[in-house]
Amino acid sequence: MDRNKTSELIVDVYTVHYTDAVSERFDSKALKKADEELYNKYLKSNKTKRFSIT
């Protein structure tokens, strides 16, 4: 879609949108480097499941 300079494509009954999305994320590596004690104070573990098809 970038090649065709379009952000919308109609295929059969579907309309596909391809647009830029901007997100801001916390830089935990920088915090760990700057203040490892503070980083460890707020560190928490999270368990998730991953679904994959190969």
N, C-alpha and C. Protein backbone atom coordinates (compact mmCIF):
# COMPACT_ATOMS: atom_id res chain seq x y z
N MET A 1 0.83 -1.18 0.00
CA MET A 1 0.00 0.00 0.00
C MET A 1 0.87 1.25 0.00
N ASP A 2 2.04 1.17 0.65
CA ASP A 2 2.96 2.32 0.60
C ASP A 2 3.41 2.58 -0.83
N ARG A 3 3.67 1.51 -1.53
CA ARG A 3 4.14 1.64 -2.91
C ARG A 3 3.12 2.36 -3.78
N ASN A 4 1.83 2.12 -3.53
CA ASN A 4 0.76 2.75 -4.30
C ASN A 4 0.34 4.10 -3.72
N LYS A 5 1.00 4.52 -2.63
CA LYS A 5 0.71 5.80 -1.98
C LYS A 5 -0.78 5.94 -1.60
N THR A 6 -1.29 4.87 -0.98
CA THR A 6 -2.67 4.88 -0.52
C THR A 6 -2.74 4.28 0.88
N SER A 7 -3.74 4.65 1.64
CA SER A 7 -3.90 4.09 2.98
C SER A 7 -5.18 3.26 3.09
N GLU A 8 -5.88 3.13 1.98
CA GLU A 8 -7.14 2.38 1.98
C GLU A 8 -7.20 1.50 0.74
N LEU A 9 -7.66 0.27 0.92
CA LEU A 9 -7.79 -0.67 -0.17
C LEU A 9 -9.10 -1.42 0.00
N ILE A 10 -9.90 -1.46 -1.03
CA ILE A 10 -11.17 -2.17 -0.99
C ILE A 10 -10.99 -3.51 -1.69
N VAL A 11 -11.27 -4.59 -0.95
CA VAL A 11 -11.15 -5.95 -1.46
C VAL A 11 -12.46 -6.66 -1.18
N ASP A 12 -13.19 -6.95 -2.24
CA ASP A 12 -14.49 -7.61 -2.12
C ASP A 12 -15.38 -6.77 -1.20
N VAL A 13 -15.81 -7.33 -0.07
CA VAL A 13 -16.70 -6.59 0.84
C VAL A 13 -15.92 -5.94 1.99
N TYR A 14 -14.59 -6.04 1.94
CA TYR A 14 -13.76 -5.52 3.02
C TYR A 14 -13.05 -4.24 2.60
N THR A 15 -12.86 -3.36 3.57
CA THR A 15 -12.04 -2.18 3.37
C THR A 15 -10.87 -2.28 4.33
N VAL A 16 -9.67 -2.26 3.77
CA VAL A 16 -8.45 -2.38 4.56
C VAL A 16 -7.83 -1.01 4.71
N HIS A 17 -7.50 -0.64 5.95
CA HIS A 17 -6.85 0.63 6.23
C HIS A 17 -5.43 0.36 6.73
N TYR A 18 -4.49 1.11 6.20
CA TYR A 18 -3.09 0.98 6.59
C TYR A 18 -2.59 2.38 6.89
N THR A 19 -2.50 2.70 8.18
CA THR A 19 -2.15 4.05 8.58
C THR A 19 -1.03 4.03 9.62
N ASP A 20 -0.35 5.15 9.76
CA ASP A 20 0.68 5.28 10.78
C ASP A 20 0.03 5.38 12.15
N ALA A 21 0.69 4.82 13.14
CA ALA A 21 0.24 4.93 14.52
C ALA A 21 1.45 5.28 15.38
N VAL A 22 1.32 6.29 16.19
CA VAL A 22 2.42 6.73 17.05
C VAL A 22 2.10 6.32 18.48
N SER A 23 3.08 5.74 19.15
CA SER A 23 2.88 5.38 20.55
C SER A 23 4.09 5.83 21.35
N GLU A 24 3.88 6.09 22.60
CA GLU A 24 4.96 6.46 23.51
C GLU A 24 5.03 5.40 24.59
N ARG A 25 6.23 4.91 24.80
CA ARG A 25 6.44 3.85 25.79
C ARG A 25 7.52 4.28 26.78
N PHE A 26 7.39 3.78 27.97
CA PHE A 26 8.36 4.08 29.02
C PHE A 26 9.67 3.35 28.72
N ASP A 27 10.78 4.04 28.81
CA ASP A 27 12.10 3.47 28.52
C ASP A 27 12.68 2.88 29.81
N SER A 28 12.34 1.62 30.08
CA SER A 28 12.77 0.99 31.33
C SER A 28 14.28 0.73 31.34
N LYS A 29 14.88 0.51 30.19
CA LYS A 29 16.33 0.30 30.15
C LYS A 29 17.08 1.55 30.58
N ALA A 30 16.59 2.71 30.17
CA ALA A 30 17.22 3.97 30.57
C ALA A 30 17.08 4.19 32.06
N LEU A 31 15.91 3.88 32.64
CA LEU A 31 15.71 4.03 34.08
C LEU A 31 16.64 3.08 34.83
N LYS A 32 16.73 1.85 34.36
CA LYS A 32 17.60 0.88 35.03
C LYS A 32 19.05 1.36 35.03
N LYS A 33 19.47 1.94 33.92
CA LYS A 33 20.84 2.45 33.82
C LYS A 33 21.04 3.67 34.72
N ALA A 34 20.04 4.54 34.80
CA ALA A 34 20.14 5.77 35.59
C ALA A 34 19.99 5.52 37.09
N ASP A 35 19.08 4.62 37.46
CA ASP A 35 18.81 4.39 38.89
C ASP A 35 18.28 2.96 39.07
N GLU A 36 19.20 2.02 39.15
CA GLU A 36 18.82 0.61 39.22
C GLU A 36 18.01 0.28 40.48
N GLU A 37 18.28 0.94 41.57
CA GLU A 37 17.54 0.69 42.81
C GLU A 37 16.06 1.07 42.64
N LEU A 38 15.80 2.23 42.06
CA LEU A 38 14.43 2.66 41.80
C LEU A 38 13.75 1.73 40.79
N TYR A 39 14.48 1.33 39.77
CA TYR A 39 13.97 0.39 38.77
C TYR A 39 13.51 -0.91 39.45
N ASN A 40 14.36 -1.47 40.29
CA ASN A 40 14.04 -2.74 40.97
C ASN A 40 12.88 -2.58 41.95
N LYS A 41 12.73 -1.39 42.52
CA LYS A 41 11.64 -1.14 43.47
C LYS A 41 10.27 -1.30 42.80
N TYR A 42 10.16 -0.90 41.53
CA TYR A 42 8.88 -0.94 40.84
C TYR A 42 8.77 -2.05 39.80
N LEU A 43 9.75 -2.92 39.76
CA LEU A 43 9.74 -4.03 38.82
C LEU A 43 8.72 -5.08 39.25
N LYS A 44 7.92 -5.57 38.32
CA LYS A 44 7.00 -6.64 38.64
C LYS A 44 6.97 -7.64 37.49
N SER A 45 6.69 -8.89 37.82
CA SER A 45 6.64 -9.96 36.83
C SER A 45 5.23 -10.09 36.28
N ASN A 46 5.15 -10.57 35.07
CA ASN A 46 3.86 -10.76 34.42
C ASN A 46 3.92 -12.06 33.63
N LYS A 47 2.93 -12.92 33.80
CA LYS A 47 2.89 -14.18 33.08
C LYS A 47 1.79 -14.11 32.02
N THR A 48 2.13 -14.45 30.79
CA THR A 48 1.16 -14.43 29.70
C THR A 48 1.26 -15.73 28.92
N LYS A 49 0.32 -15.94 28.06
CA LYS A 49 0.34 -17.08 27.15
C LYS A 49 0.51 -16.54 25.74
N ARG A 50 1.26 -17.26 24.94
CA ARG A 50 1.50 -16.86 23.56
C ARG A 50 0.85 -17.87 22.62
N PHE A 51 0.14 -17.37 21.64
CA PHE A 51 -0.51 -18.19 20.64
C PHE A 51 0.25 -18.01 19.33
N SER A 52 0.72 -19.10 18.75
CA SER A 52 1.44 -18.97 17.49
C SER A 52 1.04 -20.08 16.53
N ILE A 53 1.10 -19.77 15.27
CA ILE A 53 0.81 -20.74 14.21
C ILE A 53 2.05 -20.82 13.33
N THR A 54 2.53 -22.03 13.11
CA THR A 54 3.71 -22.19 12.25
C THR A 54 3.45 -23.17 11.13
